[in-house]
Amino acid sequence: MLKIYHLAAKAGVGYDSYDSFVVIADNETEARALCAEVAADEGEHTWQRPMHSSCAYIGEATADSEAGKVLLEHIVVASFTAG
């Protein structure tokens, strides 16, 4: 069963940056990779490293969900600060 994760940057990320995501993934590693692939000015490292972002399991995805086929289909919500 696929899982739903909430990822949030631990520090202010500034303009033209994501500060949080809700994603569907098999595990935390995949969740972090999905966010890193669409990172903006905050940089991939924000989502890849636990010292820069939290990753909390928040529930199970529906049975018809699939992880990793098309990246943007698995990002449920993203918070972006435009500059």
PDB file of N, CA and C in Angstrom:
ATOM      1  N   MET A   1       0.845  -1.180   0.000  1.00  0.00           N
ATOM      2  CA  MET A   1       0.000   0.000   0.000  1.00  0.00           C
ATOM      3  C   MET A   1       0.891   1.246   0.000  1.00  0.00           C
ATOM      4  N   LEU A   2       0.574   2.185  -0.867  1.00  0.00           N
ATOM      5  CA  LEU A   2       1.326   3.436  -0.941  1.00  0.00           C
ATOM      6  C   LEU A   2       0.987   4.339   0.230  1.00  0.00           C
ATOM      7  N   LYS A   3       1.914   5.193   0.551  1.00  0.00           N
ATOM      8  CA  LYS A   3       1.765   6.069   1.701  1.00  0.00           C
ATOM      9  C   LYS A   3       1.706   7.535   1.273  1.00  0.00           C
ATOM     10  N   ILE A   4       1.148   8.354   2.152  1.00  0.00           N
ATOM     11  CA  ILE A   4       1.087   9.797   1.932  1.00  0.00           C
ATOM     12  C   ILE A   4       2.036  10.441   2.936  1.00  0.00           C
ATOM     13  N   TYR A   5       2.890  11.336   2.438  1.00  0.00           N
ATOM     14  CA  TYR A   5       3.876  12.021   3.273  1.00  0.00           C
ATOM     15  C   TYR A   5       3.732  13.530   3.154  1.00  0.00           C
ATOM     16  N   HIS A   6       3.969  14.226   4.262  1.00  0.00           N
ATOM     17  CA  HIS A   6       4.054  15.687   4.270  1.00  0.00           C
ATOM     18  C   HIS A   6       5.516  16.053   4.510  1.00  0.00           C
ATOM     19  N   LEU A   7       6.094  16.807   3.590  1.00  0.00           N
ATOM     20  CA  LEU A   7       7.477  17.286   3.734  1.00  0.00           C
ATOM     21  C   LEU A   7       7.449  18.789   3.896  1.00  0.00           C
ATOM     22  N   ALA A   8       8.267  19.295   4.806  1.00  0.00           N
ATOM     23  CA  ALA A   8       8.330  20.742   5.040  1.00  0.00           C
ATOM     24  C   ALA A   8       9.776  21.160   5.285  1.00  0.00           C
ATOM     25  N   ALA A   9      10.152  22.280   4.666  1.00  0.00           N
ATOM     26  CA  ALA A   9      11.485  22.838   4.895  1.00  0.00           C
ATOM     27  C   ALA A   9      11.574  23.297   6.345  1.00  0.00           C
ATOM     28  N   LYS A  10      12.722  23.066   6.971  1.00  0.00           N
ATOM     29  CA  LYS A  10      12.904  23.440   8.373  1.00  0.00           C
ATOM     30  C   LYS A  10      13.275  24.903   8.559  1.00  0.00           C
ATOM     31  N   ALA A  11      13.784  25.557   7.540  1.00  0.00           N
ATOM     32  CA  ALA A  11      14.158  26.975   7.617  1.00  0.00           C
ATOM     33  C   ALA A  11      13.437  27.721   6.503  1.00  0.00           C
ATOM     34  N   GLY A  12      13.347  29.025   6.647  1.00  0.00           N
ATOM     35  CA  GLY A  12      12.750  29.835   5.597  1.00  0.00           C
ATOM     36  C   GLY A  12      13.497  29.641   4.292  1.00  0.00           C
ATOM     37  N   VAL A  13      12.768  29.466   3.211  1.00  0.00           N
ATOM     38  CA  VAL A  13      13.423  29.165   1.935  1.00  0.00           C
ATOM     39  C   VAL A  13      13.525  30.363   1.001  1.00  0.00           C
ATOM     40  N   GLY A  14      12.866  31.460   1.299  1.00  0.00           N
ATOM     41  CA  GLY A  14      12.954  32.643   0.451  1.00  0.00           C
ATOM     42  C   GLY A  14      12.018  32.585  -0.743  1.00  0.00           C
ATOM     43  N   TYR A  15      12.241  33.510  -1.681  1.00  0.00           N
ATOM     44  CA  TYR A  15      11.382  33.601  -2.858  1.00  0.00           C
ATOM     45  C   TYR A  15      11.732  32.543  -3.900  1.00  0.00           C
ATOM     46  N   ASP A  16      10.754  32.264  -4.767  1.00  0.00           N
ATOM     47  CA  ASP A  16      10.900  31.296  -5.856  1.00  0.00           C
ATOM     48  C   ASP A  16      11.338  29.935  -5.337  1.00  0.00           C
ATOM     49  N   SER A  17      10.715  29.510  -4.245  1.00  0.00           N
ATOM     50  CA  SER A  17      11.073  28.262  -3.579  1.00  0.00           C
ATOM     51  C   SER A  17       9.836  27.556  -3.032  1.00  0.00           C
ATOM     52  N   TYR A  18       9.908  26.246  -2.989  1.00  0.00           N
ATOM     53  CA  TYR A  18       8.876  25.458  -2.315  1.00  0.00           C
ATOM     54  C   TYR A  18       9.203  25.392  -0.834  1.00  0.00           C
ATOM     55  N   ASP A  19       8.158  25.447   0.004  1.00  0.00           N
ATOM     56  CA  ASP A  19       8.393  25.277   1.439  1.00  0.00           C
ATOM     57  C   ASP A  19       7.751  24.015   1.986  1.00  0.00           C
ATOM     58  N   SER A  20       6.842  23.387   1.209  1.00  0.00           N
ATOM     59  CA  SER A  20       6.259  22.126   1.670  1.00  0.00           C
ATOM     60  C   SER A  20       5.563  21.391   0.528  1.00  0.00           C
ATOM     61  N   PHE A  21       5.393  20.095   0.734  1.00  0.00           N
ATOM     62  CA  PHE A  21       4.718  19.211  -0.223  1.00  0.00           C
ATOM     63  C   PHE A  21       3.900  18.170   0.527  1.00  0.00           C
ATOM     64  N   VAL A  22       2.875  17.653  -0.128  1.00  0.00           N
ATOM     65  CA  VAL A  22       2.219  16.413   0.272  1.00  0.00           C
ATOM     66  C   VAL A  22       2.335  15.507  -0.943  1.00  0.00           C
ATOM     67  N   VAL A  23       2.934  14.324  -0.769  1.00  0.00           N
ATOM     68  CA  VAL A  23       3.189  13.419  -1.894  1.00  0.00           C
ATOM     69  C   VAL A  23       2.751  11.996  -1.585  1.00  0.00           C
ATOM     70  N   ILE A  24       2.531  11.229  -2.641  1.00  0.00           N
ATOM     71  CA  ILE A  24       2.224   9.799  -2.541  1.00  0.00           C
ATOM     72  C   ILE A  24       3.479   9.047  -2.980  1.00  0.00           C
ATOM     73  N   ALA A  25       3.961   8.156  -2.122  1.00  0.00           N
ATOM     74  CA  ALA A  25       5.203   7.427  -2.422  1.00  0.00           C
ATOM     75  C   ALA A  25       5.218   6.098  -1.681  1.00  0.00           C
ATOM     76  N   ASP A  26       6.130   5.220  -2.102  1.00  0.00           N
ATOM     77  CA  ASP A  26       6.302   3.930  -1.435  1.00  0.00           C
ATOM     78  C   ASP A  26       6.934   4.077  -0.057  1.00  0.00           C
ATOM     79  N   ASN A  27       7.853   5.056   0.073  1.00  0.00           N
ATOM     80  CA  ASN A  27       8.595   5.209   1.319  1.00  0.00           C
ATOM     81  C   ASN A  27       9.152   6.627   1.404  1.00  0.00           C
ATOM     82  N   GLU A  28       9.790   6.948   2.532  1.00  0.00           N
ATOM     83  CA  GLU A  28      10.328   8.291   2.736  1.00  0.00           C
ATOM     84  C   GLU A  28      11.390   8.651   1.700  1.00  0.00           C
ATOM     85  N   THR A  29      12.230   7.717   1.346  1.00  0.00           N
ATOM     86  CA  THR A  29      13.285   7.982   0.366  1.00  0.00           C
ATOM     87  C   THR A  29      12.679   8.417  -0.965  1.00  0.00           C
ATOM     88  N   GLU A  30      11.655   7.717  -1.412  1.00  0.00           N
ATOM     89  CA  GLU A  30      11.001   8.083  -2.667  1.00  0.00           C
ATOM     90  C   GLU A  30      10.281   9.425  -2.531  1.00  0.00           C
ATOM     91  N   ALA A  31       9.653   9.668  -1.402  1.00  0.00           N
ATOM     92  CA  ALA A  31       8.972  10.947  -1.176  1.00  0.00           C
ATOM     93  C   ALA A  31       9.959  12.105  -1.293  1.00  0.00           C
ATOM     94  N   ARG A  32      11.108  11.953  -0.665  1.00  0.00           N
ATOM     95  CA  ARG A  32      12.137  12.996  -0.725  1.00  0.00           C
ATOM     96  C   ARG A  32      12.643  13.184  -2.161  1.00  0.00           C
ATOM     97  N   ALA A  33      12.798  12.095  -2.893  1.00  0.00           N
ATOM     98  CA  ALA A  33      13.274  12.169  -4.286  1.00  0.00           C
ATOM     99  C   ALA A  33      12.266  12.888  -5.181  1.00  0.00           C
ATOM    100  N   LEU A  34      10.971  12.624  -4.984  1.00  0.00           N
ATOM    101  CA  LEU A  34       9.945  13.305  -5.773  1.00  0.00           C
ATOM    102  C   LEU A  34      10.026  14.815  -5.580  1.00  0.00           C
ATOM    103  N   CYS A  35      10.193  15.249  -4.346  1.00  0.00           N
ATOM    104  CA  CYS A  35      10.285  16.682  -4.063  1.00  0.00           C
ATOM    105  C   CYS A  35      11.574  17.274  -4.620  1.00  0.00           C
ATOM    106  N   ALA A  36      12.666  16.550  -4.496  1.00  0.00           N
ATOM    107  CA  ALA A  36      13.952  17.036  -5.002  1.00  0.00           C
ATOM    108  C   ALA A  36      13.910  17.250  -6.515  1.00  0.00           C
ATOM    109  N   GLU A  37      13.153  16.416  -7.223  1.00  0.00           N
ATOM    110  CA  GLU A  37      13.083  16.532  -8.685  1.00  0.00           C
ATOM    111  C   GLU A  37      12.424  17.814  -9.158  1.00  0.00           C
ATOM    112  N   VAL A  38      11.551  18.409  -8.339  1.00  0.00           N
ATOM    113  CA  VAL A  38      10.880  19.644  -8.749  1.00  0.00           C
ATOM    114  C   VAL A  38      11.362  20.854  -7.961  1.00  0.00           C
ATOM    115  N   ALA A  39      12.415  20.692  -7.177  1.00  0.00           N
ATOM    116  CA  ALA A  39      12.936  21.787  -6.362  1.00  0.00           C
ATOM    117  C   ALA A  39      13.224  23.010  -7.218  1.00  0.00           C
ATOM    118  N   ALA A  40      13.013  24.161  -6.623  1.00  0.00           N
ATOM    119  CA  ALA A  40      13.305  25.426  -7.298  1.00  0.00           C
ATOM    120  C   ALA A  40      14.552  26.036  -6.645  1.00  0.00           C
ATOM    121  N   ASP A  41      14.485  27.309  -6.306  1.00  0.00           N
ATOM    122  CA  ASP A  41      15.661  27.988  -5.753  1.00  0.00           C
ATOM    123  C   ASP A  41      16.111  27.460  -4.388  1.00  0.00           C
ATOM    124  N   GLU A  42      15.246  26.745  -3.682  1.00  0.00           N
ATOM    125  CA  GLU A  42      15.654  26.185  -2.379  1.00  0.00           C
ATOM    126  C   GLU A  42      16.666  25.058  -2.542  1.00  0.00           C
ATOM    127  N   GLY A  43      16.740  24.469  -3.732  1.00  0.00           N
ATOM    128  CA  GLY A  43      17.710  23.419  -4.031  1.00  0.00           C
ATOM    129  C   GLY A  43      17.249  22.026  -3.649  1.00  0.00           C
ATOM    130  N   GLU A  44      17.745  21.057  -4.384  1.00  0.00           N
ATOM    131  CA  GLU A  44      17.398  19.652  -4.150  1.00  0.00           C
ATOM    132  C   GLU A  44      17.759  19.201  -2.742  1.00  0.00           C
ATOM    133  N   HIS A  45      18.887  19.705  -2.228  1.00  0.00           N
ATOM    134  CA  HIS A  45      19.367  19.274  -0.912  1.00  0.00           C
ATOM    135  C   HIS A  45      18.336  19.526   0.190  1.00  0.00           C
ATOM    136  N   THR A  46      17.476  20.546   0.007  1.00  0.00           N
ATOM    137  CA  THR A  46      16.455  20.835   1.019  1.00  0.00           C
ATOM    138  C   THR A  46      15.569  19.624   1.250  1.00  0.00           C
ATOM    139  N   TRP A  47      15.243  18.903   0.198  1.00  0.00           N
ATOM    140  CA  TRP A  47      14.319  17.769   0.300  1.00  0.00           C
ATOM    141  C   TRP A  47      15.040  16.447   0.500  1.00  0.00           C
ATOM    142  N   GLN A  48      16.287  16.361   0.092  1.00  0.00           N
ATOM    143  CA  GLN A  48      17.034  15.110   0.225  1.00  0.00           C
ATOM    144  C   GLN A  48      17.592  14.890   1.619  1.00  0.00           C
ATOM    145  N   ARG A  49      17.842  15.936   2.366  1.00  0.00           N
ATOM    146  CA  ARG A  49      18.527  15.817   3.660  1.00  0.00           C
ATOM    147  C   ARG A  49      17.592  16.099   4.834  1.00  0.00           C
ATOM    148  N   PRO A  50      17.457  15.148   5.754  1.00  0.00           N
ATOM    149  CA  PRO A  50      16.601  15.341   6.928  1.00  0.00           C
ATOM    150  C   PRO A  50      16.993  16.540   7.784  1.00  0.00           C
ATOM    151  N   MET A  51      18.224  16.981   7.715  1.00  0.00           N
ATOM    152  CA  MET A  51      18.621  18.154   8.498  1.00  0.00           C
ATOM    153  C   MET A  51      17.977  19.438   7.966  1.00  0.00           C
ATOM    154  N   HIS A  52      17.497  19.406   6.701  1.00  0.00           N
ATOM    155  CA  HIS A  52      16.901  20.586   6.083  1.00  0.00           C
ATOM    156  C   HIS A  52      15.388  20.512   5.937  1.00  0.00           C
ATOM    157  N   SER A  53      14.805  19.311   6.082  1.00  0.00           N
ATOM    158  CA  SER A  53      13.355  19.176   5.927  1.00  0.00           C
ATOM    159  C   SER A  53      12.826  17.999   6.747  1.00  0.00           C
ATOM    160  N   SER A  54      11.590  18.150   7.175  1.00  0.00           N
ATOM    161  CA  SER A  54      10.924  17.050   7.873  1.00  0.00           C
ATOM    162  C   SER A  54      10.145  16.229   6.854  1.00  0.00           C
ATOM    163  N   CYS A  55       9.910  14.972   7.168  1.00  0.00           N
ATOM    164  CA  CYS A  55       9.111  14.102   6.316  1.00  0.00           C
ATOM    165  C   CYS A  55       8.248  13.250   7.242  1.00  0.00           C
ATOM    166  N   ALA A  56       6.958  13.560   7.276  1.00  0.00           N
ATOM    167  CA  ALA A  56       6.048  12.877   8.190  1.00  0.00           C
ATOM    168  C   ALA A  56       5.055  12.012   7.425  1.00  0.00           C
ATOM    169  N   TYR A  57       4.912  10.776   7.847  1.00  0.00           N
ATOM    170  CA  TYR A  57       3.903   9.875   7.299  1.00  0.00           C
ATOM    171  C   TYR A  57       2.551  10.372   7.798  1.00  0.00           C
ATOM    172  N   ILE A  58       1.583  10.564   6.877  1.00  0.00           N
ATOM    173  CA  ILE A  58       0.274  11.052   7.313  1.00  0.00           C
ATOM    174  C   ILE A  58      -0.882  10.125   6.959  1.00  0.00           C
ATOM    175  N   GLY A  59      -0.636   9.044   6.227  1.00  0.00           N
ATOM    176  CA  GLY A  59      -1.725   8.118   5.932  1.00  0.00           C
ATOM    177  C   GLY A  59      -1.435   7.209   4.756  1.00  0.00           C
ATOM    178  N   GLU A  60      -2.431   6.402   4.430  1.00  0.00           N
ATOM    179  CA  GLU A  60      -2.347   5.466   3.310  1.00  0.00           C
ATOM    180  C   GLU A  60      -3.060   6.049   2.099  1.00  0.00           C
ATOM    181  N   ALA A  61      -2.498   5.832   0.923  1.00  0.00           N
ATOM    182  CA  ALA A  61      -3.128   6.258  -0.325  1.00  0.00           C
ATOM    183  C   ALA A  61      -4.190   5.237  -0.724  1.00  0.00           C
ATOM    184  N   THR A  62      -5.070   5.619  -1.632  1.00  0.00           N
ATOM    185  CA  THR A  62      -6.100   4.703  -2.100  1.00  0.00           C
ATOM    186  C   THR A  62      -5.477   3.573  -2.911  1.00  0.00           C
ATOM    187  N   ALA A  63      -6.197   2.493  -3.029  1.00  0.00           N
ATOM    188  CA  ALA A  63      -5.685   1.304  -3.708  1.00  0.00           C
ATOM    189  C   ALA A  63      -5.352   1.562  -5.173  1.00  0.00           C
ATOM    190  N   ASP A  64      -5.988   2.529  -5.822  1.00  0.00           N
ATOM    191  CA  ASP A  64      -5.730   2.777  -7.242  1.00  0.00           C
ATOM    192  C   ASP A  64      -4.603   3.781  -7.485  1.00  0.00           C
ATOM    193  N   SER A  65      -3.946   4.248  -6.438  1.00  0.00           N
ATOM    194  CA  SER A  65      -2.808   5.170  -6.577  1.00  0.00           C
ATOM    195  C   SER A  65      -1.556   4.404  -6.985  1.00  0.00           C
ATOM    196  N   GLU A  66      -0.688   5.077  -7.755  1.00  0.00           N
ATOM    197  CA  GLU A  66       0.581   4.481  -8.152  1.00  0.00           C
ATOM    198  C   GLU A  66       1.693   5.469  -7.870  1.00  0.00           C
ATOM    199  N   ALA A  67       2.813   4.979  -7.421  1.00  0.00           N
ATOM    200  CA  ALA A  67       3.958   5.849  -7.141  1.00  0.00           C
ATOM    201  C   ALA A  67       4.908   5.878  -8.320  1.00  0.00           C
ATOM    202  N   GLY A  68       5.469   7.038  -8.585  1.00  0.00           N
ATOM    203  CA  GLY A  68       6.589   7.161  -9.496  1.00  0.00           C
ATOM    204  C   GLY A  68       6.325   7.105 -10.984  1.00  0.00           C
ATOM    205  N   LYS A  69       5.087   6.883 -11.468  1.00  0.00           N
ATOM    206  CA  LYS A  69       4.867   6.826 -12.912  1.00  0.00           C
ATOM    207  C   LYS A  69       5.061   8.194 -13.552  1.00  0.00           C
ATOM    208  N   VAL A  70       4.308   9.158 -13.112  1.00  0.00           N
ATOM    209  CA  VAL A  70       4.446  10.524 -13.603  1.00  0.00           C
ATOM    210  C   VAL A  70       4.566  11.407 -12.375  1.00  0.00           C
ATOM    211  N   LEU A  71       5.680  12.087 -12.261  1.00  0.00           N
ATOM    212  CA  LEU A  71       6.024  12.833 -11.056  1.00  0.00           C
ATOM    213  C   LEU A  71       4.903  13.718 -10.552  1.00  0.00           C
ATOM    214  N   LEU A  72       4.371  14.591 -11.387  1.00  0.00           N
ATOM    215  CA  LEU A  72       3.412  15.575 -10.911  1.00  0.00           C
ATOM    216  C   LEU A  72       2.087  14.958 -10.495  1.00  0.00           C
ATOM    217  N   GLU A  73       1.767  13.758 -10.933  1.00  0.00           N
ATOM    218  CA  GLU A  73       0.548  13.098 -10.483  1.00  0.00           C
ATOM    219  C   GLU A  73       0.645  12.683  -9.033  1.00  0.00           C
ATOM    220  N   HIS A  74       1.839  12.621  -8.480  1.00  0.00           N
ATOM    221  CA  HIS A  74       2.019  12.120  -7.132  1.00  0.00           C
ATOM    222  C   HIS A  74       2.338  13.221  -6.121  1.00  0.00           C
ATOM    223  N   ILE A  75       2.363  14.451  -6.593  1.00  0.00           N
ATOM    224  CA  ILE A  75       2.447  15.576  -5.681  1.00  0.00           C
ATOM    225  C   ILE A  75       1.021  16.067  -5.488  1.00  0.00           C
ATOM    226  N   VAL A  76       0.492  15.864  -4.300  1.00  0.00           N
ATOM    227  CA  VAL A  76      -0.891  16.200  -4.009  1.00  0.00           C
ATOM    228  C   VAL A  76      -1.038  17.700  -3.796  1.00  0.00           C
ATOM    229  N   VAL A  77      -0.129  18.280  -3.010  1.00  0.00           N
ATOM    230  CA  VAL A  77      -0.141  19.715  -2.718  1.00  0.00           C
ATOM    231  C   VAL A  77       1.296  20.196  -2.646  1.00  0.00           C
ATOM    232  N   ALA A  78       1.554  21.385  -3.167  1.00  0.00           N
ATOM    233  CA  ALA A  78       2.867  22.007  -3.033  1.00  0.00           C
ATOM    234  C   ALA A  78       2.655  23.470  -2.661  1.00  0.00           C
ATOM    235  N   SER A  79       3.452  23.964  -1.740  1.00  0.00           N
ATOM    236  CA  SER A  79       3.390  25.366  -1.339  1.00  0.00           C
ATOM    237  C   SER A  79       4.618  26.073  -1.895  1.00  0.00           C
ATOM    238  N   PHE A  80       4.392  27.085  -2.743  1.00  0.00           N
ATOM    239  CA  PHE A  80       5.483  27.772  -3.437  1.00  0.00           C
ATOM    240  C   PHE A  80       5.416  29.265  -3.113  1.00  0.00           C
ATOM    241  N   THR A  81       6.556  29.853  -2.771  1.00  0.00           N
ATOM    242  CA  THR A  81       6.661  31.273  -2.499  1.00  0.00           C
ATOM    243  C   THR A  81       7.265  31.954  -3.722  1.00  0.00           C
ATOM    244  N   ALA A  82       6.431  32.671  -4.476  1.00  0.00           N
ATOM    245  CA  ALA A  82       6.909  33.354  -5.683  1.00  0.00           C
ATOM    246  C   ALA A  82       7.578  34.668  -5.308  1.00  0.00           C
ATOM    247  N   GLY A  83       8.539  35.069  -6.111  1.00  0.00           N
ATOM    248  CA  GLY A  83       9.269  36.304  -5.822  1.00  0.00           C
ATOM    249  C   GLY A  83       9.021  37.378  -6.828  1.00  0.00           C
TER     250      GLY A  83
END
